[in-house]
């Protein structure tokens, strides 16, 4: 990063999202300043946050007037592709209620750290992006003011580190269903001319008139934070499912970024019916969106990319999802197989009812799992294959009794509460066979 870029980064208004509130950031930088090896960096970032916060608080009367006039200064982490779901939820709710004019819906945008510029461009009919560094500084009090900003973190699911549940009354699923009922599934869509462009790009890859699915198994290449590695899965665990999809006539695009491990041997075993898009020269922000928008359905897991299919009204079959409480999809027909908690001493499954309540309703760290005497088990290739078959062979299936019971067990206000998607019936049957009280007591 050049010196100029570093200076611009320091002048960027600080954001708070997830567990990274202003106060948490201040505390972290104080610790770095006191005892860390990068004391100068710590004091620079500490002064940056304190300066922006002080200015924002001093300008509170102006921020309040702007709010009364209908302006909304939206805070969203555009560097993470999963956060685009929270932006989408925020805008859907605004369309349902306030219908804020584009000129009054403001979002700071930095092209260098944008997870997917093409998707952001699709939201331009609803928002005004502030990209000029000097204009950002002028407007920073409105974006930083902790009491008057519009922060999309309220649509996010429960985060990892805190024992406290941050969003006990999450309304993201409710907003999606209300918007779908009033306006249809999509807030955004790819223009027809871009769709033609996308098909032209893959014309020599996708056999003519052949349906295709997109598939993604999270690895640690894009985000190397250790605690997030529990969300990872192995692309080779879906090989049996791939064989089934190919036998049913589907072609497969393996999604991801350039840090993903190559799958040349797997592709050879599958007879060339899977394309490693993640490591190809056609990969782009636009093609990410095009493939997910146009595929028959998406096979994914606990990654930011799994947040994109509902933006385009595409069904998802998610496997190895962590955790149970946040895993259900938005669209009727969506299916999920989640990672399972087992007790270390007995290897028995934790009862489903317990798995969607504290402390297991959030992503526990390895240390926290040790504290509670549990470990996390990935889905087997048999479970993954069964979940994919469940969707492919009966995509419009009515809810089974086990699926109804599992959704009735979700606490009101949890992220998956009121979801239209379902848990894999095959996976739930494993819980029933293990004498899970959630299913045997009814």
Protein backbone atom coordinates (compact mmCIF):
# COMPACT_ATOMS: atom_id res chain seq x y z
CA UNK A 1 0.00 0.00 0.00
CA UNK A 2 1.43 3.39 -1.01
CA UNK A 3 1.91 6.21 1.50
CA UNK A 4 -0.91 8.13 -0.18
CA UNK A 5 -3.26 5.14 0.19
CA UNK A 6 -2.26 4.78 3.85
CA UNK A 7 -3.07 8.44 4.49
CA UNK A 8 -6.44 8.08 2.75
CA UNK A 9 -7.14 4.98 4.87
CA UNK A 10 -6.47 6.96 8.06
CA UNK A 11 -8.84 9.70 6.85
CA UNK A 12 -11.59 7.16 6.18
CA UNK A 13 -14.41 7.51 8.79
CA UNK A 14 -14.15 4.57 11.23
CA UNK A 15 -16.97 2.02 11.17
CA UNK A 16 -18.46 -0.20 13.82
CA UNK A 17 -20.03 -3.55 13.01
CA UNK A 18 -20.45 -6.94 14.64
CA UNK A 19 -18.43 -7.09 17.85
CA UNK A 20 -16.10 -4.40 16.50
CA UNK A 21 -17.81 -1.41 18.13
CA UNK A 22 -16.01 1.91 18.55
CA UNK A 23 -15.42 1.10 22.21
CA UNK A 24 -14.01 -2.34 21.38
CA UNK A 25 -11.69 -0.78 18.80
CA UNK A 26 -10.52 1.84 21.31
CA UNK A 27 -9.85 -0.87 23.88
CA UNK A 28 -7.86 -2.94 21.35
CA UNK A 29 -5.69 0.02 20.31
CA UNK A 30 -5.07 0.97 23.96
CA UNK A 31 -3.78 -2.58 24.58
CA UNK A 32 -1.50 -2.32 21.54
CA UNK A 33 -0.20 1.04 22.75
CA UNK A 34 0.44 -0.20 26.29
CA UNK A 35 2.01 -3.57 25.65
CA UNK A 36 2.08 -4.39 21.98
CA UNK A 37 5.07 -4.37 19.61
CA UNK A 38 3.44 -1.75 17.36
CA UNK A 39 2.96 1.10 19.82
CA UNK A 40 3.14 3.89 17.24
CA UNK A 41 0.49 2.20 15.12
CA UNK A 42 -1.67 1.75 18.20
CA UNK A 43 -1.54 5.42 19.21
CA UNK A 44 -2.15 6.61 15.61
CA UNK A 45 -5.29 4.50 15.23
CA UNK A 46 -6.44 5.37 18.75
CA UNK A 47 -6.14 9.10 18.05
CA UNK A 48 -7.91 8.59 14.71
CA UNK A 49 -10.99 6.99 16.29
CA UNK A 50 -11.10 9.44 19.21
CA UNK A 51 -10.83 12.43 16.85
CA UNK A 52 -13.62 11.25 14.58
CA UNK A 53 -15.82 10.34 17.56
CA UNK A 54 -15.26 13.68 19.30
CA UNK A 55 -16.11 15.60 16.15
CA UNK A 56 -19.22 13.48 15.59
CA UNK A 57 -20.47 14.05 19.14
CA UNK A 58 -19.83 17.80 18.90
CA UNK A 59 -21.84 17.87 15.68
CA UNK A 60 -24.75 15.90 17.16
CA UNK A 61 -27.25 18.80 16.73
CA UNK A 62 -26.49 18.95 12.99
CA UNK A 63 -26.70 15.15 12.75
CA UNK A 64 -30.10 15.26 14.45
CA UNK A 65 -31.39 17.93 12.04
CA UNK A 66 -30.19 15.84 9.07
CA UNK A 67 -32.04 12.86 10.50
CA UNK A 68 -35.24 14.94 10.85
CA UNK A 69 -34.87 15.96 7.20
CA UNK A 70 -34.89 12.29 6.22
CA UNK A 71 -31.19 11.72 5.49
CA UNK A 72 -29.80 8.29 6.33
CA UNK A 73 -26.07 7.78 6.77
CA UNK A 74 -25.62 4.05 6.37
CA UNK A 75 -22.73 2.13 7.94
CA UNK A 76 -21.92 -1.22 6.31
CA UNK A 77 -18.73 -3.27 6.04
CA UNK A 78 -18.29 -3.33 2.25
CA UNK A 79 -15.02 -5.27 2.53
CA UNK A 80 -16.89 -8.48 3.43
CA UNK A 81 -19.17 -9.96 0.79
CA UNK A 82 -21.42 -11.49 3.45
CA UNK A 83 -22.22 -7.99 4.75
CA UNK A 84 -24.04 -7.21 1.51
CA UNK A 85 -26.94 -9.27 2.85
CA UNK A 86 -27.27 -6.80 5.74
CA UNK A 87 -27.22 -3.88 3.29
CA UNK A 88 -29.87 -5.64 1.22
CA UNK A 89 -32.02 -6.21 4.33
CA UNK A 90 -31.67 -2.57 5.36
CA UNK A 91 -32.77 -1.35 1.92
CA UNK A 92 -35.65 -3.83 1.73
CA UNK A 93 -36.98 -2.58 5.06
CA UNK A 94 -36.63 1.01 3.88
CA UNK A 95 -38.56 0.18 0.67
CA UNK A 96 -41.31 -1.35 2.80
CA UNK A 97 -41.58 1.64 5.13
CA UNK A 98 -39.81 4.95 4.56
CA UNK A 99 -38.91 4.75 0.84
CA UNK A 100 -36.01 7.15 1.38
CA UNK A 101 -35.05 8.99 -1.85
CA UNK A 102 -31.73 7.95 -3.38
CA UNK A 103 -30.19 11.38 -2.74
CA UNK A 104 -30.83 11.03 1.01
CA UNK A 105 -29.50 7.44 1.36
CA UNK A 106 -25.73 7.86 1.75
CA UNK A 107 -23.03 5.18 2.02
CA UNK A 108 -19.24 5.59 2.22
CA UNK A 109 -17.60 3.58 -0.55
CA UNK A 110 -13.93 2.74 -0.96
CA UNK A 111 -13.18 0.95 -4.22
CA UNK A 112 -9.91 -0.53 -2.92
CA UNK A 113 -11.60 -2.55 -0.16
CA UNK A 114 -14.90 -3.35 -1.85
CA UNK A 115 -15.80 -7.06 -1.77
CA UNK A 116 -17.87 -6.91 -4.97
CA UNK A 117 -18.12 -3.66 -6.90
CA UNK A 118 -20.62 -5.04 -9.40
CA UNK A 119 -23.23 -5.81 -6.73
CA UNK A 120 -22.81 -2.35 -5.23
CA UNK A 121 -23.46 -0.83 -8.64
CA UNK A 122 -26.75 -2.75 -8.78
CA UNK A 123 -27.90 -0.91 -5.64
CA UNK A 124 -27.32 2.53 -7.19
CA UNK A 125 -31.04 3.11 -7.89
CA UNK A 126 -31.53 3.18 -4.11
CA UNK A 127 -28.36 4.73 -2.66
CA UNK A 128 -25.84 7.52 -3.20
CA UNK A 129 -22.25 6.42 -2.70
CA UNK A 130 -19.78 8.87 -1.18
CA UNK A 131 -16.36 8.06 -2.67
CA UNK A 132 -14.53 11.39 -2.64
CA UNK A 133 -12.05 11.34 0.31
CA UNK A 134 -12.58 15.02 1.16
CA UNK A 135 -16.36 14.73 1.05
CA UNK A 136 -16.09 11.73 3.38
CA UNK A 137 -14.19 13.85 5.89
CA UNK A 138 -16.78 16.62 5.70
CA UNK A 139 -19.64 14.15 6.19
CA UNK A 140 -17.79 11.99 8.72
CA UNK A 141 -19.73 13.28 11.79
CA UNK A 142 -22.95 12.00 10.22
CA UNK A 143 -21.48 8.56 9.47
CA UNK A 144 -19.63 8.20 12.79
CA UNK A 145 -22.18 9.55 15.29
CA UNK A 146 -23.00 6.40 17.33
CA UNK A 147 -26.56 7.48 18.13
CA UNK A 148 -27.77 8.86 14.81
CA UNK A 149 -26.07 6.68 12.18
CA UNK A 150 -28.00 3.90 10.41
CA UNK A 151 -25.96 0.79 11.14
CA UNK A 152 -26.65 -2.43 9.24
CA UNK A 153 -25.16 -4.51 12.09
CA UNK A 154 -28.65 -4.76 13.57
CA UNK A 155 -29.59 -7.15 10.76
CA UNK A 156 -26.63 -9.41 11.42
CA UNK A 157 -26.82 -12.73 13.21
CA UNK A 158 -25.22 -13.39 16.61
CA UNK A 159 -21.47 -12.99 16.56
CA UNK A 160 -18.72 -15.20 17.92
CA UNK A 161 -16.94 -13.83 20.92
CA UNK A 162 -19.57 -12.54 23.30
CA UNK A 163 -21.59 -14.78 25.57
CA UNK A 164 -24.32 -12.16 25.30
CA UNK A 165 -26.74 -12.55 22.38
CA UNK A 166 -26.56 -9.31 20.46
CA UNK A 167 -29.71 -9.63 18.36
CA UNK A 168 -32.35 -11.41 20.41
CA UNK A 169 -35.06 -10.13 18.07
CA UNK A 170 -33.44 -10.36 14.66
CA UNK A 171 -35.91 -9.42 11.93
CA UNK A 172 -33.88 -10.17 8.79
CA UNK A 173 -35.94 -13.21 7.74
CA UNK A 174 -39.19 -11.35 8.45
CA UNK A 175 -38.12 -8.42 6.27
CA UNK A 176 -37.17 -10.73 3.40
CA UNK A 177 -40.53 -12.51 3.51
CA UNK A 178 -42.52 -9.25 3.74
CA UNK A 179 -40.63 -7.74 0.81
CA UNK A 180 -41.08 -10.92 -1.25
CA UNK A 181 -44.80 -10.83 -0.55
CA UNK A 182 -45.10 -7.17 -1.59
CA UNK A 183 -42.59 -6.79 -4.42
CA UNK A 184 -41.15 -10.22 -5.30
CA UNK A 185 -37.94 -11.96 -4.26
CA UNK A 186 -35.43 -9.56 -5.79
CA UNK A 187 -34.51 -6.03 -4.83
CA UNK A 188 -31.71 -6.12 -7.40
CA UNK A 189 -31.30 -7.98 -10.68
CA UNK A 190 -28.72 -8.26 -13.45
CA UNK A 191 -29.65 -6.29 -16.61
CA UNK A 192 -30.54 -8.44 -19.67
CA UNK A 193 -27.59 -7.13 -21.67
CA UNK A 194 -25.20 -8.25 -18.89
CA UNK A 195 -26.82 -11.69 -18.79
CA UNK A 196 -26.14 -12.05 -22.52
CA UNK A 197 -22.55 -10.96 -21.88
CA UNK A 198 -22.18 -13.61 -19.15
CA UNK A 199 -23.44 -16.44 -21.34
CA UNK A 200 -21.08 -15.31 -24.09
CA UNK A 201 -18.14 -15.59 -21.67
CA UNK A 202 -18.99 -19.21 -20.72
CA UNK A 203 -20.12 -20.39 -24.16
CA UNK A 204 -16.95 -22.50 -24.61
CA UNK A 205 -17.16 -23.89 -21.06
CA UNK A 206 -20.81 -24.77 -20.49
CA UNK A 207 -22.22 -27.38 -22.93
CA UNK A 208 -25.14 -25.95 -24.88
CA UNK A 209 -28.57 -26.12 -23.20
CA UNK A 210 -27.12 -27.83 -20.12
CA UNK A 211 -28.34 -26.72 -16.67
CA UNK A 212 -25.65 -25.79 -14.17
CA UNK A 213 -25.15 -25.35 -10.45
CA UNK A 214 -22.59 -23.28 -8.56
CA UNK A 215 -20.66 -24.84 -5.68
CA UNK A 216 -18.45 -23.36 -2.98
CA UNK A 217 -16.58 -24.91 -0.05
CA UNK A 218 -15.01 -22.30 2.23
CA UNK A 219 -11.22 -22.31 2.76
CA UNK A 220 -9.03 -19.97 4.82
CA UNK A 221 -7.32 -18.24 1.90
CA UNK A 222 -9.50 -15.10 1.74
CA UNK A 223 -9.91 -14.62 5.50
CA UNK A 224 -7.18 -16.21 7.63
CA UNK A 225 -8.62 -15.41 11.07
CA UNK A 226 -8.18 -18.65 13.02
CA UNK A 227 -11.56 -18.72 14.72
CA UNK A 228 -13.28 -18.55 11.32
CA UNK A 229 -11.58 -21.75 10.15
CA UNK A 230 -14.32 -23.70 11.96
CA UNK A 231 -16.58 -22.60 9.11
CA UNK A 232 -14.32 -24.27 6.55
CA UNK A 233 -15.18 -27.40 4.62
CA UNK A 234 -13.44 -29.67 2.13
CA UNK A 235 -14.49 -29.49 -1.52
CA UNK A 236 -13.64 -33.19 -1.85
CA UNK A 237 -16.37 -34.07 0.67
CA UNK A 238 -18.93 -33.01 -1.93
CA UNK A 239 -17.51 -35.25 -4.66
CA UNK A 240 -20.22 -37.89 -4.23
CA UNK A 241 -22.83 -35.14 -4.45
CA UNK A 242 -21.12 -33.85 -7.61
CA UNK A 243 -21.35 -37.30 -9.20
CA UNK A 244 -25.06 -37.37 -8.45
CA UNK A 245 -25.58 -33.89 -9.93
CA UNK A 246 -23.65 -34.83 -13.07
CA UNK A 247 -25.71 -38.02 -13.41
CA UNK A 248 -28.82 -35.82 -13.26
CA UNK A 249 -27.49 -33.73 -16.14
CA UNK A 250 -25.97 -30.76 -14.30
CA UNK A 251 -22.69 -29.02 -15.05
CA UNK A 252 -20.85 -27.56 -12.03
CA UNK A 253 -18.98 -24.28 -11.54
CA UNK A 254 -16.67 -24.36 -8.52
CA UNK A 255 -16.83 -20.85 -7.02
CA UNK A 256 -14.36 -18.91 -4.88
CA UNK A 257 -11.31 -16.68 -5.16
CA UNK A 258 -7.81 -17.31 -6.51
CA UNK A 259 -6.55 -18.54 -3.11
CA UNK A 260 -8.69 -21.69 -3.38
CA UNK A 261 -6.82 -24.97 -3.76
CA UNK A 262 -6.93 -26.38 -7.33
CA UNK A 263 -9.26 -29.30 -8.06
CA UNK A 264 -7.68 -30.64 -11.26
CA UNK A 265 -7.58 -34.25 -10.01
CA UNK A 266 -11.20 -34.08 -8.82
CA UNK A 267 -12.24 -32.55 -12.14
CA UNK A 268 -10.53 -35.39 -13.97
CA UNK A 269 -12.38 -37.98 -11.89
CA UNK A 270 -15.63 -36.18 -12.70
CA UNK A 271 -14.98 -36.35 -16.41
CA UNK A 272 -14.54 -32.63 -16.95
CA UNK A 273 -18.09 -31.87 -15.81
CA UNK A 274 -16.88 -29.38 -13.20
CA UNK A 275 -15.11 -26.11 -14.03
CA UNK A 276 -12.69 -24.58 -11.52
CA UNK A 277 -13.98 -21.04 -11.95
CA UNK A 278 -12.18 -19.92 -8.76
CA UNK A 279 -8.79 -20.47 -10.42
CA UNK A 280 -9.79 -19.41 -13.91
CA UNK A 281 -9.10 -16.29 -15.98
CA UNK A 282 -12.81 -15.47 -16.33
CA UNK A 283 -13.29 -14.81 -12.61
CA UNK A 284 -14.59 -11.31 -11.82
CA UNK A 285 -17.08 -9.52 -9.59
CA UNK A 286 -19.56 -9.55 -12.46
CA UNK A 287 -19.14 -13.26 -13.20
CA UNK A 288 -19.58 -14.12 -9.49
CA UNK A 289 -22.98 -12.46 -9.66
CA UNK A 290 -23.90 -13.78 -13.09
CA UNK A 291 -23.19 -17.43 -12.27
CA UNK A 292 -25.04 -17.33 -8.94
CA UNK A 293 -27.96 -15.45 -10.46
CA UNK A 294 -28.33 -17.79 -13.46
CA UNK A 295 -27.56 -21.20 -11.91
CA UNK A 296 -30.33 -23.68 -11.09
CA UNK A 297 -29.23 -23.59 -7.46
CA UNK A 298 -26.18 -22.91 -5.28
CA UNK A 299 -24.40 -25.51 -3.13
CA UNK A 300 -22.44 -23.78 -0.39
CA UNK A 301 -21.84 -23.52 3.34
CA UNK A 302 -20.70 -21.10 6.04
CA UNK A 303 -19.15 -18.44 3.86
CA UNK A 304 -19.87 -14.90 2.80
CA UNK A 305 -20.68 -16.17 -0.68
CA UNK A 306 -23.69 -18.08 0.68
CA UNK A 307 -25.28 -14.68 1.41
CA UNK A 308 -25.43 -13.81 -2.29
CA UNK A 309 -28.00 -16.33 -3.71
CA UNK A 310 -30.97 -14.82 -1.79
CA UNK A 311 -30.10 -11.39 -3.22
CA UNK A 312 -30.88 -12.78 -6.69
CA UNK A 313 -33.69 -15.16 -5.70
CA UNK A 314 -31.54 -18.27 -6.22
CA UNK A 315 -32.18 -21.37 -4.13
CA UNK A 316 -29.40 -22.71 -1.89
CA UNK A 317 -28.41 -26.12 -0.60
CA UNK A 318 -25.96 -25.35 2.20
CA UNK A 319 -23.90 -28.09 3.83
CA UNK A 320 -21.37 -28.04 6.68
CA UNK A 321 -23.03 -24.85 7.93
CA UNK A 322 -21.87 -23.49 11.28
CA UNK A 323 -24.01 -22.98 13.24
CA UNK A 324 -27.51 -24.47 13.40
CA UNK A 325 -29.18 -21.31 14.68
CA UNK A 326 -28.20 -19.12 11.72
CA UNK A 327 -28.22 -21.64 8.90
CA UNK A 328 -31.73 -21.67 7.42
CA UNK A 329 -32.23 -20.18 3.96
CA UNK A 330 -34.62 -17.39 2.96
CA UNK A 331 -36.36 -18.99 -0.01
CA UNK A 332 -38.91 -21.85 -0.05
CA UNK A 333 -37.03 -25.00 -1.01
CA UNK A 334 -33.69 -23.96 0.51
CA UNK A 335 -32.07 -26.83 2.43
CA UNK A 336 -29.35 -26.87 5.08
CA UNK A 337 -27.18 -29.56 6.62
CA UNK A 338 -25.33 -28.10 9.61
CA UNK A 339 -22.21 -29.12 11.50
CA UNK A 340 -23.08 -31.12 14.61
CA UNK A 341 -22.01 -30.68 18.23
CA UNK A 342 -21.13 -33.88 20.08
CA UNK A 343 -20.15 -34.44 23.70
CA UNK A 344 -16.49 -35.37 24.04
CA UNK A 345 -16.99 -38.02 26.70
CA UNK A 346 -19.83 -39.96 25.10
CA UNK A 347 -19.71 -38.92 21.42
CA UNK A 348 -23.46 -38.40 21.67
CA UNK A 349 -25.15 -35.62 19.73
CA UNK A 350 -26.25 -32.56 21.65
CA UNK A 351 -30.04 -32.42 21.61
CA UNK A 352 -31.31 -30.30 18.73
CA UNK A 353 -33.30 -28.06 21.11
CA UNK A 354 -30.09 -27.27 23.02
CA UNK A 355 -28.11 -26.65 19.82
CA UNK A 356 -30.24 -23.59 18.97
CA UNK A 357 -29.95 -22.03 22.42
CA UNK A 358 -27.13 -20.49 24.47
CA UNK A 359 -24.29 -21.14 24.36
CA UNK A 360 -24.52 -23.31 21.23
CA UNK A 361 -26.57 -20.85 19.19
CA UNK A 362 -23.42 -18.90 18.33
CA UNK A 363 -20.08 -19.87 16.81
CA UNK A 364 -18.11 -21.16 19.77
CA UNK A 365 -14.33 -20.93 19.67
CA UNK A 366 -12.25 -24.11 20.26
CA UNK A 367 -11.52 -22.92 23.82
CA UNK A 368 -15.24 -22.44 24.50
CA UNK A 369 -16.00 -25.91 23.14
CA UNK A 370 -13.42 -27.38 25.52
CA UNK A 371 -15.09 -25.49 28.36
CA UNK A 372 -18.46 -27.04 27.51
CA UNK A 373 -17.02 -30.49 26.80
CA UNK A 374 -18.10 -30.65 23.14
CA UNK A 375 -16.53 -30.89 19.72
CA UNK A 376 -17.72 -29.95 16.24
CA UNK A 377 -18.29 -32.61 13.61
CA UNK A 378 -18.43 -31.92 9.87
CA UNK A 379 -21.11 -33.43 7.68
CA UNK A 380 -20.08 -36.76 6.17
CA UNK A 381 -20.10 -37.27 2.42
CA UNK A 382 -23.20 -39.44 2.96
CA UNK A 383 -25.03 -36.59 4.71
CA UNK A 384 -24.00 -34.12 2.00
CA UNK A 385 -25.09 -36.44 -0.80
CA UNK A 386 -28.43 -37.12 0.92
CA UNK A 387 -29.09 -33.39 1.38
CA UNK A 388 -28.32 -32.60 -2.26
CA UNK A 389 -30.48 -35.51 -3.44
CA UNK A 390 -33.27 -34.34 -1.17
CA UNK A 391 -33.33 -31.02 -3.00
CA UNK A 392 -32.74 -32.25 -6.55
CA UNK A 393 -35.27 -35.05 -6.46
CA UNK A 394 -38.01 -33.03 -4.79
CA UNK A 395 -37.23 -29.28 -4.85
CA UNK A 396 -40.80 -28.22 -3.99
CA UNK A 397 -41.25 -30.76 -1.19
CA UNK A 398 -43.73 -30.08 1.58
CA UNK A 399 -42.25 -29.76 5.05
CA UNK A 400 -41.84 -33.09 6.78
CA UNK A 401 -42.86 -33.61 10.39
CA UNK A 402 -39.22 -33.49 11.51
CA UNK A 403 -38.67 -30.21 9.67
CA UNK A 404 -41.76 -28.68 11.25
CA UNK A 405 -40.65 -29.72 14.73
CA UNK A 406 -37.12 -28.40 14.20
CA UNK A 407 -38.38 -24.96 13.13
CA UNK A 408 -40.86 -24.85 15.99
CA UNK A 409 -37.88 -25.39 18.30
CA UNK A 410 -36.19 -22.17 17.19
CA UNK A 411 -36.38 -19.33 19.73
CA UNK A 412 -38.58 -16.44 18.61
CA UNK A 413 -36.39 -13.68 17.25
CA UNK A 414 -33.41 -15.90 16.38
CA UNK A 415 -31.85 -15.40 12.95
CA UNK A 416 -33.53 -18.46 11.39
CA UNK A 417 -36.91 -17.81 13.02
CA UNK A 418 -39.68 -17.57 10.36
CA UNK A 419 -37.30 -18.77 7.63
CA UNK A 420 -38.85 -20.40 4.56
CA UNK A 421 -35.92 -22.78 4.13
CA UNK A 422 -35.60 -26.09 5.99
CA UNK A 423 -33.06 -28.31 7.64
CA UNK A 424 -32.15 -31.50 5.79
CA UNK A 425 -34.71 -34.15 6.68
CA UNK A 426 -31.97 -36.79 6.41
CA UNK A 427 -29.84 -34.98 8.99
CA UNK A 428 -32.80 -34.49 11.32
CA UNK A 429 -33.53 -38.22 11.10
CA UNK A 430 -30.04 -38.85 12.52
CA UNK A 431 -31.02 -36.76 15.54
CA UNK A 432 -34.26 -38.68 15.91
CA UNK A 433 -32.42 -42.02 15.73
CA UNK A 434 -30.01 -40.78 18.41
CA UNK A 435 -33.04 -40.32 20.71
CA UNK A 436 -32.90 -36.53 20.58
CA UNK A 437 -35.69 -35.42 22.95
CA UNK A 438 -36.67 -32.67 20.50
CA UNK A 439 -38.08 -35.30 18.13
CA UNK A 440 -38.82 -38.35 20.31
CA UNK A 441 -40.87 -36.43 22.89
CA UNK A 442 -43.52 -35.55 20.30
